[in-house]
């Protein structure tokens, strides 16, 4: 537990340092297309992550199912 508190404190400290060092004006312009591009990127990463985790979960659950074990037997083993 103390290790996780150190990680949280370190993350908060690092975030605070980044925030305090980047508070100057930045005369930048983001057009309306940039916001939709960022949103599409975030949604794409989220969808890919969910799809990948679903595949791993399917592999794990199919390993422990009885149907999986029965399907891996060859017909020669069933005749014995």
Protein backbone atom coordinates (compact mmCIF):
# COMPACT_ATOMS: atom_id res chain seq x y z
CA UNK A 1 0.00 0.00 0.00
CA UNK A 2 2.73 2.56 0.79
CA UNK A 3 4.26 1.97 -2.65
CA UNK A 4 1.03 2.94 -4.38
CA UNK A 5 0.76 6.09 -2.29
CA UNK A 6 4.27 7.06 -3.38
CA UNK A 7 3.27 6.59 -7.03
CA UNK A 8 0.17 8.74 -6.58
CA UNK A 9 2.14 11.47 -4.79
CA UNK A 10 4.81 11.39 -7.50
CA UNK A 11 2.22 11.64 -10.26
CA UNK A 12 0.48 14.56 -8.58
CA UNK A 13 3.78 16.34 -8.01
CA UNK A 14 4.81 15.85 -11.63
CA UNK A 15 1.43 17.12 -12.84
CA UNK A 16 1.70 20.17 -10.61
CA UNK A 17 5.20 20.95 -11.91
CA UNK A 18 4.01 20.67 -15.53
CA UNK A 19 1.03 22.89 -14.79
CA UNK A 20 3.06 25.59 -13.07
CA UNK A 21 5.75 25.65 -15.75
CA UNK A 22 3.33 25.93 -18.66
CA UNK A 23 1.07 28.80 -17.58
CA UNK A 24 2.48 31.38 -20.00
CA UNK A 25 0.44 32.60 -22.95
CA UNK A 26 0.72 30.47 -26.05
CA UNK A 27 -0.79 32.35 -29.02
CA UNK A 28 -1.98 29.12 -30.66
CA UNK A 29 -5.07 28.48 -32.75
CA UNK A 30 -7.00 25.25 -32.96
CA UNK A 31 -9.49 25.10 -35.77
CA UNK A 32 -12.79 23.18 -35.36
CA UNK A 33 -11.37 20.19 -37.27
CA UNK A 34 -8.61 19.70 -34.69
CA UNK A 35 -11.09 19.02 -31.89
CA UNK A 36 -12.91 16.38 -33.89
CA UNK A 37 -9.59 14.81 -34.89
CA UNK A 38 -8.52 14.56 -31.25
CA UNK A 39 -11.90 13.12 -30.24
CA UNK A 40 -11.75 10.55 -33.06
CA UNK A 41 -8.24 9.52 -32.01
CA UNK A 42 -9.30 9.04 -28.40
CA UNK A 43 -12.34 7.00 -29.40
CA UNK A 44 -10.24 4.88 -31.78
CA UNK A 45 -7.68 4.10 -29.08
CA UNK A 46 -10.47 3.23 -26.66
CA UNK A 47 -12.17 0.91 -29.18
CA UNK A 48 -8.88 -0.84 -30.02
CA UNK A 49 -8.11 -1.35 -26.33
CA UNK A 50 -11.55 -2.81 -25.63
CA UNK A 51 -11.33 -5.11 -28.67
CA UNK A 52 -7.88 -6.36 -27.62
CA UNK A 53 -8.94 -6.98 -24.02
CA UNK A 54 -12.05 -8.79 -25.23
CA UNK A 55 -9.88 -11.12 -27.31
CA UNK A 56 -7.63 -11.91 -24.34
CA UNK A 57 -10.65 -12.48 -22.10
CA UNK A 58 -12.15 -14.84 -24.68
CA UNK A 59 -8.91 -16.85 -24.82
CA UNK A 60 -8.75 -17.13 -21.04
CA UNK A 61 -12.39 -18.15 -20.60
CA UNK A 62 -12.31 -20.63 -23.49
CA UNK A 63 -9.28 -22.32 -21.92
CA UNK A 64 -11.26 -23.13 -18.78
CA UNK A 65 -14.50 -24.22 -20.44
CA UNK A 66 -15.41 -27.89 -20.75
CA UNK A 67 -16.41 -27.54 -24.41
CA UNK A 68 -12.90 -26.36 -25.24
CA UNK A 69 -11.34 -29.43 -23.65
CA UNK A 70 -13.75 -31.77 -25.44
CA UNK A 71 -13.19 -30.07 -28.80
CA UNK A 72 -9.42 -30.52 -28.57
CA UNK A 73 -9.70 -34.31 -28.42
CA UNK A 74 -9.04 -36.10 -31.63
CA UNK A 75 -11.52 -38.73 -32.97
CA UNK A 76 -8.94 -41.47 -32.35
CA UNK A 77 -8.92 -40.67 -28.61
CA UNK A 78 -12.72 -40.81 -28.40
CA UNK A 79 -12.86 -44.35 -29.86
CA UNK A 80 -10.58 -45.80 -27.17
